[in-house]
C-alpha atoms as a PDB file:
ATOM      1  CA  UNK A   1      53.167  12.178   8.194  1.00  0.00           C
ATOM      2  CA  UNK A   2      53.805  15.734   9.364  1.00  0.00           C
ATOM      3  CA  UNK A   3      56.028  17.211  12.047  1.00  0.00           C
ATOM      4  CA  UNK A   4      53.163  18.499  14.184  1.00  0.00           C
ATOM      5  CA  UNK A   5      52.948  17.274  17.782  1.00  0.00           C
ATOM      6  CA  UNK A   6      50.472  14.534  18.515  1.00  0.00           C
ATOM      7  CA  UNK A   7      48.535  13.348  21.523  1.00  0.00           C
ATOM      8  CA  UNK A   8      48.007   9.588  21.386  1.00  0.00           C
ATOM      9  CA  UNK A   9      45.690   7.595  23.624  1.00  0.00           C
ATOM     10  CA  UNK A  10      47.082   4.459  25.240  1.00  0.00           C
ATOM     11  CA  UNK A  11      45.163   2.290  22.786  1.00  0.00           C
ATOM     12  CA  UNK A  12      46.488   4.230  19.833  1.00  0.00           C
ATOM     13  CA  UNK A  13      50.052   3.902  21.120  1.00  0.00           C
ATOM     14  CA  UNK A  14      49.643   0.124  21.385  1.00  0.00           C
ATOM     15  CA  UNK A  15      47.954  -0.181  17.982  1.00  0.00           C
ATOM     16  CA  UNK A  16      50.592   2.034  16.340  1.00  0.00           C
ATOM     17  CA  UNK A  17      53.437   0.026  17.910  1.00  0.00           C
ATOM     18  CA  UNK A  18      51.817  -3.211  16.733  1.00  0.00           C
ATOM     19  CA  UNK A  19      51.418  -1.879  13.198  1.00  0.00           C
ATOM     20  CA  UNK A  20      55.001  -0.562  13.124  1.00  0.00           C
ATOM     21  CA  UNK A  21      56.245  -3.958  14.254  1.00  0.00           C
ATOM     22  CA  UNK A  22      54.105  -5.638  11.605  1.00  0.00           C
ATOM     23  CA  UNK A  23      55.459  -3.252   8.953  1.00  0.00           C
ATOM     24  CA  UNK A  24      59.005  -3.933  10.096  1.00  0.00           C
ATOM     25  CA  UNK A  25      58.483  -7.674   9.691  1.00  0.00           C
ATOM     26  CA  UNK A  26      57.089  -7.098   6.214  1.00  0.00           C
ATOM     27  CA  UNK A  27      60.165  -5.056   5.278  1.00  0.00           C
ATOM     28  CA  UNK A  28      62.481  -7.794   6.534  1.00  0.00           C
ATOM     29  CA  UNK A  29      60.553 -10.445   4.605  1.00  0.00           C
ATOM     30  CA  UNK A  30      60.285  -8.379   1.432  1.00  0.00           C
ATOM     31  CA  UNK A  31      63.770  -6.929   1.492  1.00  0.00           C
ATOM     32  CA  UNK A  32      62.749  -3.336   0.830  1.00  0.00           C
ATOM     33  CA  UNK A  33      60.545  -0.669   2.370  1.00  0.00           C
ATOM     34  CA  UNK A  34      57.943  -0.884  -0.413  1.00  0.00           C
ATOM     35  CA  UNK A  35      57.057  -4.369   0.774  1.00  0.00           C
ATOM     36  CA  UNK A  36      54.891  -2.896   3.548  1.00  0.00           C
ATOM     37  CA  UNK A  37      51.196  -3.477   3.034  1.00  0.00           C
ATOM     38  CA  UNK A  38      49.386  -0.259   2.117  1.00  0.00           C
ATOM     39  CA  UNK A  39      46.632  -1.013   4.631  1.00  0.00           C
ATOM     40  CA  UNK A  40      49.188  -0.897   7.479  1.00  0.00           C
ATOM     41  CA  UNK A  41      50.498   2.486   6.303  1.00  0.00           C
ATOM     42  CA  UNK A  42      46.923   3.855   5.915  1.00  0.00           C
ATOM     43  CA  UNK A  43      45.989   2.722   9.432  1.00  0.00           C
ATOM     44  CA  UNK A  44      49.120   4.354  10.912  1.00  0.00           C
ATOM     45  CA  UNK A  45      48.331   7.570   9.004  1.00  0.00           C
ATOM     46  CA  UNK A  46      44.742   7.555  10.324  1.00  0.00           C
ATOM     47  CA  UNK A  47      45.991   7.125  13.910  1.00  0.00           C
ATOM     48  CA  UNK A  48      48.480   9.985  13.377  1.00  0.00           C
ATOM     49  CA  UNK A  49      45.834  12.246  11.888  1.00  0.00           C
ATOM     50  CA  UNK A  50      43.483  11.646  14.828  1.00  0.00           C
ATOM     51  CA  UNK A  51      46.276  12.330  17.302  1.00  0.00           C
ATOM     52  CA  UNK A  52      47.215  15.598  15.519  1.00  0.00           C
ATOM     53  CA  UNK A  53      43.567  16.701  15.513  1.00  0.00           C
ATOM     54  CA  UNK A  54      43.286  15.899  19.254  1.00  0.00           C
ATOM     55  CA  UNK A  55      46.448  17.955  19.912  1.00  0.00           C
ATOM     56  CA  UNK A  56      45.085  20.908  17.915  1.00  0.00           C
ATOM     57  CA  UNK A  57      41.744  20.813  19.732  1.00  0.00           C
ATOM     58  CA  UNK A  58      43.478  20.673  23.111  1.00  0.00           C
ATOM     59  CA  UNK A  59      45.699  23.635  22.185  1.00  0.00           C
ATOM     60  CA  UNK A  60      42.728  25.669  21.031  1.00  0.00           C
ATOM     61  CA  UNK A  61      40.772  24.969  24.214  1.00  0.00           C
ATOM     62  CA  UNK A  62      43.811  25.747  26.436  1.00  0.00           C
ATOM     63  CA  UNK A  63      44.420  29.074  24.696  1.00  0.00           C
ATOM     64  CA  UNK A  64      40.742  29.996  24.971  1.00  0.00           C
ATOM     65  CA  UNK A  65      40.898  29.243  28.705  1.00  0.00           C
ATOM     66  CA  UNK A  66      43.933  31.534  29.023  1.00  0.00           C
ATOM     67  CA  UNK A  67      42.101  34.348  27.227  1.00  0.00           C
ATOM     68  CA  UNK A  68      39.015  33.908  29.436  1.00  0.00           C
ATOM     69  CA  UNK A  69      41.118  33.891  32.596  1.00  0.00           C
ATOM     70  CA  UNK A  70      42.920  37.059  31.571  1.00  0.00           C
ATOM     71  CA  UNK A  71      39.610  38.745  30.791  1.00  0.00           C
ATOM     72  CA  UNK A  72      38.281  37.738  34.232  1.00  0.00           C
ATOM     73  CA  UNK A  73      41.443  39.097  35.814  1.00  0.00           C
ATOM     74  CA  UNK A  74      41.080  42.435  34.025  1.00  0.00           C
ATOM     75  CA  UNK A  75      37.449  42.713  35.133  1.00  0.00           C
ATOM     76  CA  UNK A  76      38.373  41.869  38.730  1.00  0.00           C
ATOM     77  CA  UNK A  77      41.168  44.460  38.713  1.00  0.00           C
ATOM     78  CA  UNK A  78      38.801  47.085  37.362  1.00  0.00           C
ATOM     79  CA  UNK A  79      36.255  46.227  40.077  1.00  0.00           C
ATOM     80  CA  UNK A  80      39.020  46.561  42.664  1.00  0.00           C
ATOM     81  CA  UNK A  81      39.923  50.023  41.407  1.00  0.00           C
ATOM     82  CA  UNK A  82      36.256  51.085  41.552  1.00  0.00           C
ATOM     83  CA  UNK A  83      35.530  49.526  44.973  1.00  0.00           C
ATOM     84  CA  UNK A  84      35.340  51.577  48.174  1.00  0.00           C
ATOM     85  CA  UNK A  85      35.064  50.694  51.815  1.00  0.00           C
ATOM     86  CA  UNK A  86      34.095  47.152  52.762  1.00  0.00           C
ATOM     87  CA  UNK A  87      33.679  46.099  49.120  1.00  0.00           C
ATOM     88  CA  UNK A  88      37.402  46.626  48.588  1.00  0.00           C
ATOM     89  CA  UNK A  89      38.346  43.513  50.576  1.00  0.00           C
ATOM     90  CA  UNK A  90      35.956  41.338  48.589  1.00  0.00           C
ATOM     91  CA  UNK A  91      37.264  42.830  45.356  1.00  0.00           C
ATOM     92  CA  UNK A  92      40.844  42.122  46.454  1.00  0.00           C
ATOM     93  CA  UNK A  93      39.935  38.464  47.120  1.00  0.00           C
ATOM     94  CA  UNK A  94      38.306  38.306  43.700  1.00  0.00           C
ATOM     95  CA  UNK A  95      41.500  39.664  42.087  1.00  0.00           C
ATOM     96  CA  UNK A  96      43.621  37.084  43.916  1.00  0.00           C
ATOM     97  CA  UNK A  97      41.290  34.293  42.810  1.00  0.00           C
ATOM     98  CA  UNK A  98      41.410  35.560  39.233  1.00  0.00           C
ATOM     99  CA  UNK A  99      45.220  35.659  39.361  1.00  0.00           C
ATOM    100  CA  UNK A 100      45.279  32.051  40.588  1.00  0.00           C
ATOM    101  CA  UNK A 101      42.929  31.044  37.795  1.00  0.00           C
ATOM    102  CA  UNK A 102      45.081  32.815  35.196  1.00  0.00           C
ATOM    103  CA  UNK A 103      48.240  31.188  36.575  1.00  0.00           C
ATOM    104  CA  UNK A 104      46.657  27.716  36.375  1.00  0.00           C
ATOM    105  CA  UNK A 105      45.409  28.367  32.814  1.00  0.00           C
ATOM    106  CA  UNK A 106      48.890  29.526  31.761  1.00  0.00           C
ATOM    107  CA  UNK A 107      50.468  26.418  33.241  1.00  0.00           C
ATOM    108  CA  UNK A 108      48.004  24.184  31.423  1.00  0.00           C
ATOM    109  CA  UNK A 109      48.514  25.987  28.113  1.00  0.00           C
ATOM    110  CA  UNK A 110      52.331  25.753  28.406  1.00  0.00           C
ATOM    111  CA  UNK A 111      52.132  22.203  27.128  1.00  0.00           C
ATOM    112  CA  UNK A 112      50.880  23.469  23.761  1.00  0.00           C
ATOM    113  CA  UNK A 113      53.558  26.129  23.120  1.00  0.00           C
END
């Protein structure tokens, strides 16, 4: 088991708690920690590995969303600098929308830092 953060589903939390309780009972009955059935430990390790993988995928997607939002913001700011006349107001609204999108993406990605 590693020290990486994990993202468990509700079912995984329940199953993991059940297996930990079962392993605890086996330790009490056997008198030492090696009395735990290997199948219980393997199942807990599989649940942990899936949760770590889910966390890593979520982090990757969140950081990609931040990069895309910042790219959109840069494009909108460039369009604002190039706009003249009545197009300037629309470009300003696009910049504000892009800033909001970037702010939301940053907030979502903060979980994975």
